[in-house]
């Protein structure tokens, strides 16, 4: 099994169309057919059901695709990194984050880091709460931006707090609750609520959400797997959201009101204890300094 076979398989699994796969890979359709047939022969499995009208994945094909799409991504990254290292870089670091607005300072961090460590290749990946921890545990990430409780029990993690977040309610500016200076959980009763998927958010967030549901039993609830979806749903008049303040966007259409909730979330950066590389320490130091500057400016204003 080689890279070209994997490429053909993954793209065909996604398009279910031989001609489109051939066009995307800049090869002929018979070549795609040959690569798939050869792969199936090598594996001793039927990956596709093919008729004159359609192409479908078999159950074995679905299972194989779920694993191989990640293999192909990692292979392409490895090839690109190897080529870059051959000409430019001496080292690399991998960084995981969730893509929320809490990392809006990341561009400034990267610029400063690149000025001081121009020989280091940087790999960024967006991953959800659980995936991020798993990839960090398996040493696929050198550093992650994360809430403290997600790595509290991690035996190989060091952590530096960047800020402390508090819970807020997010609504449209013309919503009845938007005029309040602070919102109690009881104020949320009978309003449609947009909450984060409890399987993909910190335990403290899940606990707060459960408390909200118990105290607001008549409120319809939407669960989303990313805060960005919450903003779209709020603007679509589907409800109001409760979330940590550090994932809230700077949006002129939205009101952000503090919640009367006696809980906070520590957010920071984590790295492996047994990684003494100077570029890791350098990235952590730069990150802490930039967030410190932001906090000082915020306090002055």
C-alpha atoms as a PDB file:
ATOM      1  CA  UNK A   1       0.000   0.000   0.000  1.00  0.00           C
ATOM      2  CA  UNK A   2       1.455   3.371  -1.011  1.00  0.00           C
ATOM      3  CA  UNK A   3       0.538   7.053  -0.834  1.00  0.00           C
ATOM      4  CA  UNK A   4      -1.064   7.235  -4.285  1.00  0.00           C
ATOM      5  CA  UNK A   5      -3.412   4.380  -3.394  1.00  0.00           C
ATOM      6  CA  UNK A   6      -4.389   6.107  -0.144  1.00  0.00           C
ATOM      7  CA  UNK A   7      -4.980   9.401  -1.987  1.00  0.00           C
ATOM      8  CA  UNK A   8      -7.204   7.720  -4.555  1.00  0.00           C
ATOM      9  CA  UNK A   9      -9.145   5.846  -1.895  1.00  0.00           C
ATOM     10  CA  UNK A  10      -9.744   8.854   0.385  1.00  0.00           C
ATOM     11  CA  UNK A  11     -10.813  11.175  -2.436  1.00  0.00           C
ATOM     12  CA  UNK A  12     -13.065   8.542  -4.000  1.00  0.00           C
ATOM     13  CA  UNK A  13     -14.613   7.859  -0.583  1.00  0.00           C
ATOM     14  CA  UNK A  14     -15.405  11.577  -0.297  1.00  0.00           C
ATOM     15  CA  UNK A  15     -16.634  12.174  -3.842  1.00  0.00           C
ATOM     16  CA  UNK A  16     -18.050   8.713  -4.699  1.00  0.00           C
ATOM     17  CA  UNK A  17     -17.231   9.678  -8.263  1.00  0.00           C
ATOM     18  CA  UNK A  18     -14.333   8.260 -10.298  1.00  0.00           C
ATOM     19  CA  UNK A  19     -14.151  11.101 -12.827  1.00  0.00           C
ATOM     20  CA  UNK A  20     -14.131  13.839 -10.166  1.00  0.00           C
ATOM     21  CA  UNK A  21     -11.460  11.969  -8.207  1.00  0.00           C
ATOM     22  CA  UNK A  22      -9.321  11.638 -11.333  1.00  0.00           C
ATOM     23  CA  UNK A  23      -9.754  15.334 -12.120  1.00  0.00           C
ATOM     24  CA  UNK A  24      -8.810  16.377  -8.587  1.00  0.00           C
ATOM     25  CA  UNK A  25      -5.678  14.198  -8.559  1.00  0.00           C
ATOM     26  CA  UNK A  26      -4.692  15.096 -12.152  1.00  0.00           C
ATOM     27  CA  UNK A  27      -4.708  11.475 -13.290  1.00  0.00           C
ATOM     28  CA  UNK A  28      -6.882   9.441 -15.634  1.00  0.00           C
ATOM     29  CA  UNK A  29     -10.030   7.630 -14.561  1.00  0.00           C
ATOM     30  CA  UNK A  30      -8.573   4.198 -15.484  1.00  0.00           C
ATOM     31  CA  UNK A  31      -5.629   5.003 -13.195  1.00  0.00           C
ATOM     32  CA  UNK A  32      -8.019   5.642 -10.299  1.00  0.00           C
ATOM     33  CA  UNK A  33      -9.765   2.342 -11.034  1.00  0.00           C
ATOM     34  CA  UNK A  34      -6.426   0.525 -11.131  1.00  0.00           C
ATOM     35  CA  UNK A  35      -5.276   2.033  -7.821  1.00  0.00           C
ATOM     36  CA  UNK A  36      -8.543   1.082  -6.084  1.00  0.00           C
ATOM     37  CA  UNK A  37      -8.548  -2.444  -7.520  1.00  0.00           C
ATOM     38  CA  UNK A  38      -4.929  -2.963  -6.477  1.00  0.00           C
ATOM     39  CA  UNK A  39      -5.652  -1.672  -2.971  1.00  0.00           C
ATOM     40  CA  UNK A  40      -8.660  -3.960  -2.577  1.00  0.00           C
ATOM     41  CA  UNK A  41      -6.616  -6.930  -3.798  1.00  0.00           C
ATOM     42  CA  UNK A  42      -3.800  -6.169  -1.347  1.00  0.00           C
ATOM     43  CA  UNK A  43      -6.221  -5.847   1.564  1.00  0.00           C
ATOM     44  CA  UNK A  44      -8.439  -8.719   0.526  1.00  0.00           C
ATOM     45  CA  UNK A  45     -11.451  -6.452   1.097  1.00  0.00           C
ATOM     46  CA  UNK A  46     -14.174  -4.838  -0.956  1.00  0.00           C
ATOM     47  CA  UNK A  47     -14.060  -1.147  -0.111  1.00  0.00           C
ATOM     48  CA  UNK A  48     -16.644   0.036  -2.644  1.00  0.00           C
ATOM     49  CA  UNK A  49     -19.825  -1.256  -4.229  1.00  0.00           C
ATOM     50  CA  UNK A  50     -19.784  -0.119  -7.856  1.00  0.00           C
ATOM     51  CA  UNK A  51     -22.658  -0.126 -10.328  1.00  0.00           C
ATOM     52  CA  UNK A  52     -23.235   1.795 -13.565  1.00  0.00           C
ATOM     53  CA  UNK A  53     -25.231   4.413 -11.676  1.00  0.00           C
ATOM     54  CA  UNK A  54     -23.452   4.916  -8.369  1.00  0.00           C
ATOM     55  CA  UNK A  55     -20.489   4.206  -6.129  1.00  0.00           C
ATOM     56  CA  UNK A  56     -20.935   3.426  -2.422  1.00  0.00           C
ATOM     57  CA  UNK A  57     -18.627   2.572   0.447  1.00  0.00           C
ATOM     58  CA  UNK A  58     -18.986  -0.866   1.992  1.00  0.00           C
ATOM     59  CA  UNK A  59     -19.039  -1.120   5.821  1.00  0.00           C
ATOM     60  CA  UNK A  60     -15.362  -2.116   5.601  1.00  0.00           C
ATOM     61  CA  UNK A  61     -14.756   0.882   3.346  1.00  0.00           C
ATOM     62  CA  UNK A  62     -16.373   3.262   5.830  1.00  0.00           C
ATOM     63  CA  UNK A  63     -14.209   1.912   8.651  1.00  0.00           C
ATOM     64  CA  UNK A  64     -11.072   2.106   6.508  1.00  0.00           C
ATOM     65  CA  UNK A  65     -11.879   5.677   5.427  1.00  0.00           C
ATOM     66  CA  UNK A  66     -12.372   6.896   9.004  1.00  0.00           C
ATOM     67  CA  UNK A  67      -8.836   5.767   9.826  1.00  0.00           C
ATOM     68  CA  UNK A  68      -7.058   6.504   6.562  1.00  0.00           C
ATOM     69  CA  UNK A  69      -8.192  10.113   6.101  1.00  0.00           C
ATOM     70  CA  UNK A  70      -6.144  11.010   9.204  1.00  0.00           C
ATOM     71  CA  UNK A  71      -3.236   8.918   7.931  1.00  0.00           C
ATOM     72  CA  UNK A  72      -3.288  10.789   4.610  1.00  0.00           C
ATOM     73  CA  UNK A  73      -3.380  14.167   6.348  1.00  0.00           C
ATOM     74  CA  UNK A  74      -0.443  13.252   8.574  1.00  0.00           C
ATOM     75  CA  UNK A  75       1.463  11.790   5.623  1.00  0.00           C
ATOM     76  CA  UNK A  76       1.050  14.963   3.555  1.00  0.00           C
ATOM     77  CA  UNK A  77       2.091  17.096   6.520  1.00  0.00           C
ATOM     78  CA  UNK A  78       5.108  14.876   7.141  1.00  0.00           C
ATOM     79  CA  UNK A  79       6.167  15.135   3.493  1.00  0.00           C
ATOM     80  CA  UNK A  80       5.749  18.922   3.471  1.00  0.00           C
ATOM     81  CA  UNK A  81       7.655  19.294   6.739  1.00  0.00           C
ATOM     82  CA  UNK A  82      10.461  17.051   5.519  1.00  0.00           C
ATOM     83  CA  UNK A  83      10.823  19.143   2.355  1.00  0.00           C
ATOM     84  CA  UNK A  84      10.825  22.369   4.363  1.00  0.00           C
ATOM     85  CA  UNK A  85      13.333  21.046   6.871  1.00  0.00           C
ATOM     86  CA  UNK A  86      15.627  20.060   4.048  1.00  0.00           C
ATOM     87  CA  UNK A  87      15.950  23.707   3.052  1.00  0.00           C
ATOM     88  CA  UNK A  88      14.893  25.955   5.938  1.00  0.00           C
ATOM     89  CA  UNK A  89      14.059  24.579   9.371  1.00  0.00           C
ATOM     90  CA  UNK A  90      16.060  22.936  12.119  1.00  0.00           C
ATOM     91  CA  UNK A  91      13.200  22.112  14.488  1.00  0.00           C
ATOM     92  CA  UNK A  92       9.416  22.197  14.830  1.00  0.00           C
ATOM     93  CA  UNK A  93       6.668  22.718  17.390  1.00  0.00           C
ATOM     94  CA  UNK A  94       3.016  21.651  17.201  1.00  0.00           C
ATOM     95  CA  UNK A  95       0.286  23.702  18.874  1.00  0.00           C
ATOM     96  CA  UNK A  96      -3.343  22.782  19.518  1.00  0.00           C
ATOM     97  CA  UNK A  97      -6.188  25.200  20.167  1.00  0.00           C
ATOM     98  CA  UNK A  98      -9.973  25.322  19.763  1.00  0.00           C
ATOM     99  CA  UNK A  99     -10.257  28.203  17.320  1.00  0.00           C
ATOM    100  CA  UNK A 100     -12.284  30.412  19.668  1.00  0.00           C
ATOM    101  CA  UNK A 101     -11.728  34.124  20.068  1.00  0.00           C
ATOM    102  CA  UNK A 102      -9.791  33.481  23.283  1.00  0.00           C
ATOM    103  CA  UNK A 103      -6.756  32.992  21.057  1.00  0.00           C
ATOM    104  CA  UNK A 104      -7.170  36.279  19.190  1.00  0.00           C
ATOM    105  CA  UNK A 105      -3.688  37.162  20.455  1.00  0.00           C
ATOM    106  CA  UNK A 106      -2.208  34.115  18.736  1.00  0.00           C
ATOM    107  CA  UNK A 107      -1.141  36.064  15.597  1.00  0.00           C
ATOM    108  CA  UNK A 108       0.888  38.471  17.759  1.00  0.00           C
ATOM    109  CA  UNK A 109       2.421  35.534  19.635  1.00  0.00           C
ATOM    110  CA  UNK A 110       3.383  33.833  16.369  1.00  0.00           C
ATOM    111  CA  UNK A 111       4.933  37.020  14.947  1.00  0.00           C
ATOM    112  CA  UNK A 112       7.067  37.559  18.039  1.00  0.00           C
ATOM    113  CA  UNK A 113       8.055  33.895  18.201  1.00  0.00           C
ATOM    114  CA  UNK A 114       9.007  33.839  14.507  1.00  0.00           C
ATOM    115  CA  UNK A 115      11.263  36.867  14.981  1.00  0.00           C
ATOM    116  CA  UNK A 116      13.182  35.090  17.753  1.00  0.00           C
ATOM    117  CA  UNK A 117      13.020  31.502  16.483  1.00  0.00           C
ATOM    118  CA  UNK A 118      13.107  31.791  12.698  1.00  0.00           C
ATOM    119  CA  UNK A 119      14.590  28.292  12.394  1.00  0.00           C
ATOM    120  CA  UNK A 120      11.497  26.631  13.930  1.00  0.00           C
ATOM    121  CA  UNK A 121       8.638  25.256  11.836  1.00  0.00           C
ATOM    122  CA  UNK A 122       5.212  25.873  13.432  1.00  0.00           C
ATOM    123  CA  UNK A 123       2.271  23.482  13.033  1.00  0.00           C
ATOM    124  CA  UNK A 124      -1.169  24.660  14.207  1.00  0.00           C
ATOM    125  CA  UNK A 125      -4.252  22.481  14.541  1.00  0.00           C
ATOM    126  CA  UNK A 126      -7.770  23.253  15.721  1.00  0.00           C
ATOM    127  CA  UNK A 127      -9.138  20.492  17.953  1.00  0.00           C
ATOM    128  CA  UNK A 128     -12.083  20.269  20.314  1.00  0.00           C
ATOM    129  CA  UNK A 129     -11.822  19.930  24.086  1.00  0.00           C
ATOM    130  CA  UNK A 130     -11.367  16.142  24.234  1.00  0.00           C
ATOM    131  CA  UNK A 131      -9.425  15.651  20.997  1.00  0.00           C
ATOM    132  CA  UNK A 132      -6.936  18.300  22.084  1.00  0.00           C
ATOM    133  CA  UNK A 133      -6.154  16.503  25.345  1.00  0.00           C
ATOM    134  CA  UNK A 134      -5.849  13.125  23.604  1.00  0.00           C
ATOM    135  CA  UNK A 135      -3.450  14.488  20.987  1.00  0.00           C
ATOM    136  CA  UNK A 136      -1.415  16.208  23.702  1.00  0.00           C
ATOM    137  CA  UNK A 137      -1.274  12.988  25.747  1.00  0.00           C
ATOM    138  CA  UNK A 138      -0.015  11.097  22.696  1.00  0.00           C
ATOM    139  CA  UNK A 139       2.644  13.792  22.093  1.00  0.00           C
ATOM    140  CA  UNK A 140       1.052  14.923  18.830  1.00  0.00           C
ATOM    141  CA  UNK A 141       1.019  18.420  20.348  1.00  0.00           C
ATOM    142  CA  UNK A 142       3.957  20.093  22.085  1.00  0.00           C
ATOM    143  CA  UNK A 143       1.726  22.826  23.512  1.00  0.00           C
ATOM    144  CA  UNK A 144      -2.001  23.391  23.885  1.00  0.00           C
ATOM    145  CA  UNK A 145      -4.190  26.327  24.863  1.00  0.00           C
ATOM    146  CA  UNK A 146      -6.601  24.818  27.385  1.00  0.00           C
ATOM    147  CA  UNK A 147      -8.678  25.233  30.515  1.00  0.00           C
ATOM    148  CA  UNK A 148      -6.754  24.186  33.606  1.00  0.00           C
ATOM    149  CA  UNK A 149      -9.110  21.419  34.670  1.00  0.00           C
ATOM    150  CA  UNK A 150      -8.568  19.596  31.378  1.00  0.00           C
ATOM    151  CA  UNK A 151      -4.938  18.881  32.309  1.00  0.00           C
ATOM    152  CA  UNK A 152      -5.121  18.978  36.130  1.00  0.00           C
ATOM    153  CA  UNK A 153      -4.771  15.199  36.356  1.00  0.00           C
ATOM    154  CA  UNK A 154      -2.258  14.922  33.516  1.00  0.00           C
ATOM    155  CA  UNK A 155       0.990  13.446  34.909  1.00  0.00           C
ATOM    156  CA  UNK A 156       3.169  14.946  32.178  1.00  0.00           C
ATOM    157  CA  UNK A 157       1.794  18.494  31.939  1.00  0.00           C
ATOM    158  CA  UNK A 158       3.009  21.872  33.117  1.00  0.00           C
ATOM    159  CA  UNK A 159       0.518  24.750  33.040  1.00  0.00           C
ATOM    160  CA  UNK A 160       0.679  28.542  33.052  1.00  0.00           C
ATOM    161  CA  UNK A 161      -2.519  30.542  33.577  1.00  0.00           C
ATOM    162  CA  UNK A 162      -3.126  33.328  31.073  1.00  0.00           C
ATOM    163  CA  UNK A 163      -6.425  34.618  32.491  1.00  0.00           C
ATOM    164  CA  UNK A 164      -9.518  33.667  34.480  1.00  0.00           C
ATOM    165  CA  UNK A 165     -12.874  33.519  32.729  1.00  0.00           C
ATOM    166  CA  UNK A 166     -16.373  34.050  34.118  1.00  0.00           C
ATOM    167  CA  UNK A 167     -19.783  33.045  32.845  1.00  0.00           C
ATOM    168  CA  UNK A 168     -21.929  35.406  30.791  1.00  0.00           C
ATOM    169  CA  UNK A 169     -25.213  35.409  28.925  1.00  0.00           C
ATOM    170  CA  UNK A 170     -25.061  36.323  25.233  1.00  0.00           C
ATOM    171  CA  UNK A 171     -28.140  37.655  23.447  1.00  0.00           C
ATOM    172  CA  UNK A 172     -29.218  40.064  20.763  1.00  0.00           C
ATOM    173  CA  UNK A 173     -29.167  43.679  21.926  1.00  0.00           C
ATOM    174  CA  UNK A 174     -32.960  43.969  21.668  1.00  0.00           C
ATOM    175  CA  UNK A 175     -33.584  40.893  23.850  1.00  0.00           C
ATOM    176  CA  UNK A 176     -35.524  41.559  27.101  1.00  0.00           C
ATOM    177  CA  UNK A 177     -32.546  40.413  29.201  1.00  0.00           C
ATOM    178  CA  UNK A 178     -30.025  42.635  27.388  1.00  0.00           C
ATOM    179  CA  UNK A 179     -30.867  45.667  29.535  1.00  0.00           C
ATOM    180  CA  UNK A 180     -29.905  43.916  32.783  1.00  0.00           C
ATOM    181  CA  UNK A 181     -26.546  44.635  34.426  1.00  0.00           C
ATOM    182  CA  UNK A 182     -26.345  41.079  35.776  1.00  0.00           C
ATOM    183  CA  UNK A 183     -28.416  37.966  35.095  1.00  0.00           C
ATOM    184  CA  UNK A 184     -29.450  35.257  37.547  1.00  0.00           C
ATOM    185  CA  UNK A 185     -30.133  31.696  36.448  1.00  0.00           C
ATOM    186  CA  UNK A 186     -33.815  32.170  37.354  1.00  0.00           C
ATOM    187  CA  UNK A 187     -33.981  35.020  34.814  1.00  0.00           C
ATOM    188  CA  UNK A 188     -33.381  32.476  32.045  1.00  0.00           C
ATOM    189  CA  UNK A 189     -36.643  30.620  32.691  1.00  0.00           C
ATOM    190  CA  UNK A 190     -38.872  30.081  29.637  1.00  0.00           C
ATOM    191  CA  UNK A 191     -36.277  31.449  27.198  1.00  0.00           C
ATOM    192  CA  UNK A 192     -34.764  29.133  24.590  1.00  0.00           C
ATOM    193  CA  UNK A 193     -31.213  28.314  25.675  1.00  0.00           C
ATOM    194  CA  UNK A 194     -28.152  27.538  23.574  1.00  0.00           C
ATOM    195  CA  UNK A 195     -25.625  25.449  25.504  1.00  0.00           C
ATOM    196  CA  UNK A 196     -22.361  23.717  24.673  1.00  0.00           C
ATOM    197  CA  UNK A 197     -22.361  19.956  24.130  1.00  0.00           C
ATOM    198  CA  UNK A 198     -21.546  18.589  27.618  1.00  0.00           C
ATOM    199  CA  UNK A 199     -19.361  15.913  26.005  1.00  0.00           C
ATOM    200  CA  UNK A 200     -17.187  18.588  24.390  1.00  0.00           C
ATOM    201  CA  UNK A 201     -16.819  21.199  27.111  1.00  0.00           C
ATOM    202  CA  UNK A 202     -15.012  21.483  30.469  1.00  0.00           C
ATOM    203  CA  UNK A 203     -16.578  19.683  33.441  1.00  0.00           C
ATOM    204  CA  UNK A 204     -17.240  22.977  35.248  1.00  0.00           C
ATOM    205  CA  UNK A 205     -19.133  24.278  32.220  1.00  0.00           C
ATOM    206  CA  UNK A 206     -21.141  21.050  32.015  1.00  0.00           C
ATOM    207  CA  UNK A 207     -21.967  21.326  35.730  1.00  0.00           C
ATOM    208  CA  UNK A 208     -23.198  24.908  35.352  1.00  0.00           C
ATOM    209  CA  UNK A 209     -25.305  23.934  32.345  1.00  0.00           C
ATOM    210  CA  UNK A 210     -26.890  21.040  34.238  1.00  0.00           C
ATOM    211  CA  UNK A 211     -27.760  23.421  37.072  1.00  0.00           C
ATOM    212  CA  UNK A 212     -29.332  25.818  34.564  1.00  0.00           C
ATOM    213  CA  UNK A 213     -31.437  23.023  33.063  1.00  0.00           C
ATOM    214  CA  UNK A 214     -32.637  21.906  36.503  1.00  0.00           C
ATOM    215  CA  UNK A 215     -33.649  25.459  37.448  1.00  0.00           C
ATOM    216  CA  UNK A 216     -35.197  26.207  34.036  1.00  0.00           C
ATOM    217  CA  UNK A 217     -37.116  22.992  33.257  1.00  0.00           C
ATOM    218  CA  UNK A 218     -39.498  24.649  30.792  1.00  0.00           C
ATOM    219  CA  UNK A 219     -36.767  26.268  28.696  1.00  0.00           C
ATOM    220  CA  UNK A 220     -36.157  24.658  25.281  1.00  0.00           C
ATOM    221  CA  UNK A 221     -32.473  23.732  24.928  1.00  0.00           C
ATOM    222  CA  UNK A 222     -30.209  23.583  21.877  1.00  0.00           C
ATOM    223  CA  UNK A 223     -26.809  21.903  22.238  1.00  0.00           C
ATOM    224  CA  UNK A 224     -23.952  22.993  19.964  1.00  0.00           C
ATOM    225  CA  UNK A 225     -20.434  21.626  19.578  1.00  0.00           C
ATOM    226  CA  UNK A 226     -18.734  24.998  19.067  1.00  0.00           C
ATOM    227  CA  UNK A 227     -19.322  28.559  20.348  1.00  0.00           C
ATOM    228  CA  UNK A 228     -19.285  29.912  16.776  1.00  0.00           C
ATOM    229  CA  UNK A 229     -22.495  27.979  16.108  1.00  0.00           C
ATOM    230  CA  UNK A 230     -24.032  29.683  19.149  1.00  0.00           C
ATOM    231  CA  UNK A 231     -23.523  33.137  17.623  1.00  0.00           C
ATOM    232  CA  UNK A 232     -25.242  32.111  14.392  1.00  0.00           C
ATOM    233  CA  UNK A 233     -28.191  30.662  16.315  1.00  0.00           C
ATOM    234  CA  UNK A 234     -28.484  33.763  18.523  1.00  0.00           C
ATOM    235  CA  UNK A 235     -28.595  35.999  15.443  1.00  0.00           C
ATOM    236  CA  UNK A 236     -31.141  33.612  13.936  1.00  0.00           C
ATOM    237  CA  UNK A 237     -33.445  34.304  16.915  1.00  0.00           C
ATOM    238  CA  UNK A 238     -33.211  30.719  18.137  1.00  0.00           C
ATOM    239  CA  UNK A 239     -32.248  31.573  21.699  1.00  0.00           C
ATOM    240  CA  UNK A 240     -29.712  33.016  24.119  1.00  0.00           C
ATOM    241  CA  UNK A 241     -26.434  31.413  25.175  1.00  0.00           C
ATOM    242  CA  UNK A 242     -24.507  30.910  28.400  1.00  0.00           C
ATOM    243  CA  UNK A 243     -20.734  30.533  28.039  1.00  0.00           C
ATOM    244  CA  UNK A 244     -17.363  31.660  29.430  1.00  0.00           C
ATOM    245  CA  UNK A 245     -16.661  35.310  28.634  1.00  0.00           C
ATOM    246  CA  UNK A 246     -13.371  34.542  26.898  1.00  0.00           C
ATOM    247  CA  UNK A 247     -15.088  32.773  23.987  1.00  0.00           C
ATOM    248  CA  UNK A 248     -17.480  35.671  23.333  1.00  0.00           C
ATOM    249  CA  UNK A 249     -16.985  37.597  20.095  1.00  0.00           C
ATOM    250  CA  UNK A 250     -16.629  41.337  19.709  1.00  0.00           C
ATOM    251  CA  UNK A 251     -19.891  41.768  17.808  1.00  0.00           C
ATOM    252  CA  UNK A 252     -21.942  44.968  17.631  1.00  0.00           C
ATOM    253  CA  UNK A 253     -25.182  42.977  17.308  1.00  0.00           C
ATOM    254  CA  UNK A 254     -24.726  41.038  20.537  1.00  0.00           C
ATOM    255  CA  UNK A 255     -25.088  41.931  24.212  1.00  0.00           C
ATOM    256  CA  UNK A 256     -22.815  40.216  26.751  1.00  0.00           C
ATOM    257  CA  UNK A 257     -24.199  40.301  30.292  1.00  0.00           C
ATOM    258  CA  UNK A 258     -22.419  38.866  33.367  1.00  0.00           C
ATOM    259  CA  UNK A 259     -24.105  35.897  35.044  1.00  0.00           C
ATOM    260  CA  UNK A 260     -24.531  35.688  38.814  1.00  0.00           C
ATOM    261  CA  UNK A 261     -22.675  32.384  38.979  1.00  0.00           C
ATOM    262  CA  UNK A 262     -20.089  31.702  41.658  1.00  0.00           C
ATOM    263  CA  UNK A 263     -17.637  29.881  39.421  1.00  0.00           C
ATOM    264  CA  UNK A 264     -14.681  30.748  37.231  1.00  0.00           C
ATOM    265  CA  UNK A 265     -12.512  28.994  34.660  1.00  0.00           C
ATOM    266  CA  UNK A 266      -8.717  29.176  34.541  1.00  0.00           C
ATOM    267  CA  UNK A 267      -7.450  29.313  30.962  1.00  0.00           C
ATOM    268  CA  UNK A 268      -3.825  29.011  29.927  1.00  0.00           C
ATOM    269  CA  UNK A 269      -1.136  27.146  28.063  1.00  0.00           C
ATOM    270  CA  UNK A 270       0.171  23.636  28.801  1.00  0.00           C
ATOM    271  CA  UNK A 271       3.319  21.816  27.702  1.00  0.00           C
ATOM    272  CA  UNK A 272       5.132  18.553  28.496  1.00  0.00           C
ATOM    273  CA  UNK A 273       7.336  18.364  31.602  1.00  0.00           C
ATOM    274  CA  UNK A 274       9.962  16.253  29.880  1.00  0.00           C
ATOM    275  CA  UNK A 275      10.467  18.609  26.942  1.00  0.00           C
ATOM    276  CA  UNK A 276      13.472  20.862  27.683  1.00  0.00           C
ATOM    277  CA  UNK A 277      13.693  22.390  24.181  1.00  0.00           C
ATOM    278  CA  UNK A 278      14.402  26.114  24.187  1.00  0.00           C
ATOM    279  CA  UNK A 279      11.733  26.819  21.548  1.00  0.00           C
ATOM    280  CA  UNK A 280       9.033  25.376  23.838  1.00  0.00           C
ATOM    281  CA  UNK A 281      10.153  27.527  26.762  1.00  0.00           C
ATOM    282  CA  UNK A 282      10.434  30.486  24.407  1.00  0.00           C
ATOM    283  CA  UNK A 283       6.881  30.092  23.099  1.00  0.00           C
ATOM    284  CA  UNK A 284       5.486  29.830  26.637  1.00  0.00           C
ATOM    285  CA  UNK A 285       7.435  32.900  27.766  1.00  0.00           C
ATOM    286  CA  UNK A 286       6.290  34.977  24.782  1.00  0.00           C
ATOM    287  CA  UNK A 287       2.673  33.893  25.267  1.00  0.00           C
ATOM    288  CA  UNK A 288       2.683  34.829  28.958  1.00  0.00           C
ATOM    289  CA  UNK A 289       4.246  38.228  28.231  1.00  0.00           C
ATOM    290  CA  UNK A 290       1.746  39.148  25.496  1.00  0.00           C
ATOM    291  CA  UNK A 291      -1.232  38.156  27.644  1.00  0.00           C
ATOM    292  CA  UNK A 292       0.259  40.106  30.562  1.00  0.00           C
ATOM    293  CA  UNK A 293       0.519  43.208  28.367  1.00  0.00           C
ATOM    294  CA  UNK A 294      -3.099  42.764  27.279  1.00  0.00           C
ATOM    295  CA  UNK A 295      -4.232  42.537  30.907  1.00  0.00           C
ATOM    296  CA  UNK A 296      -2.299  45.684  31.870  1.00  0.00           C
ATOM    297  CA  UNK A 297      -3.810  47.659  28.975  1.00  0.00           C
ATOM    298  CA  UNK A 298      -7.296  46.391  29.846  1.00  0.00           C
ATOM    299  CA  UNK A 299      -6.877  47.448  33.488  1.00  0.00           C
ATOM    300  CA  UNK A 300      -5.675  50.931  32.478  1.00  0.00           C
ATOM    301  CA  UNK A 301      -8.636  51.399  30.161  1.00  0.00           C
END
